[in-house]
Amino acid sequence: MQECSRMIRTGTFIGLILVFPCPWYMIAVGGLLPLPVILYYGIDGGIVLVFSLVHIAIYTWIFHRVARWAGGVVRTGRIRNPVAAILLVSALLALSFLPIYGGGENLAAGRVLKHNAYEVYRDTFLDTPGAGRRLPTLPNLVPVEALGRSTGRSSWAATL
């Protein structure tokens, strides 16, 4: 029982990190992005790194608390182990296919939240051989070089 609880807790934590649409804000520009994408945007350093690290610290703590709660529910026997595992995988899979990710100002309007998790990861991390890094299609993203600093590689950050 304890081992299953630990597996549910680990699966919940990793699943939330990979597919939960975390609100990400930098001054006036925001977005709903998975945590690895937020981390990737902060790689170049500067103010984007600071904002990204703050978001990562907060969301990691929140996800840890949610995962502990999910493990506790399974450990106390309120939900059977196989049912809990099926519910967890189904919920995370369904969440990844919803078009609820995106970026830009005025997120409440909903027009900018039209990407699923696969599209966000593809647009952020896909490298095409010989052509350099593929440019993301999320709105309001500009090259870091346009923000006034050159890093020597093609990288993107939200506009300030």
Foldseek 3Di string as FASTA:
>chain_A
DLVLLVVQLVLQLVLQQQQFQQWADDPAKIWGARLVLLCQQCVVDDPSVVSSVVSNVVVSVVSNVVSNVLSVCCVVPVDDSVVSVVVSVVVSVVRQPDQQTAITGPCVVVPGSGHGSVLSCCQRDDADPPPARHHHPGPQKDFVVVVPDDDPHTHIHHDD
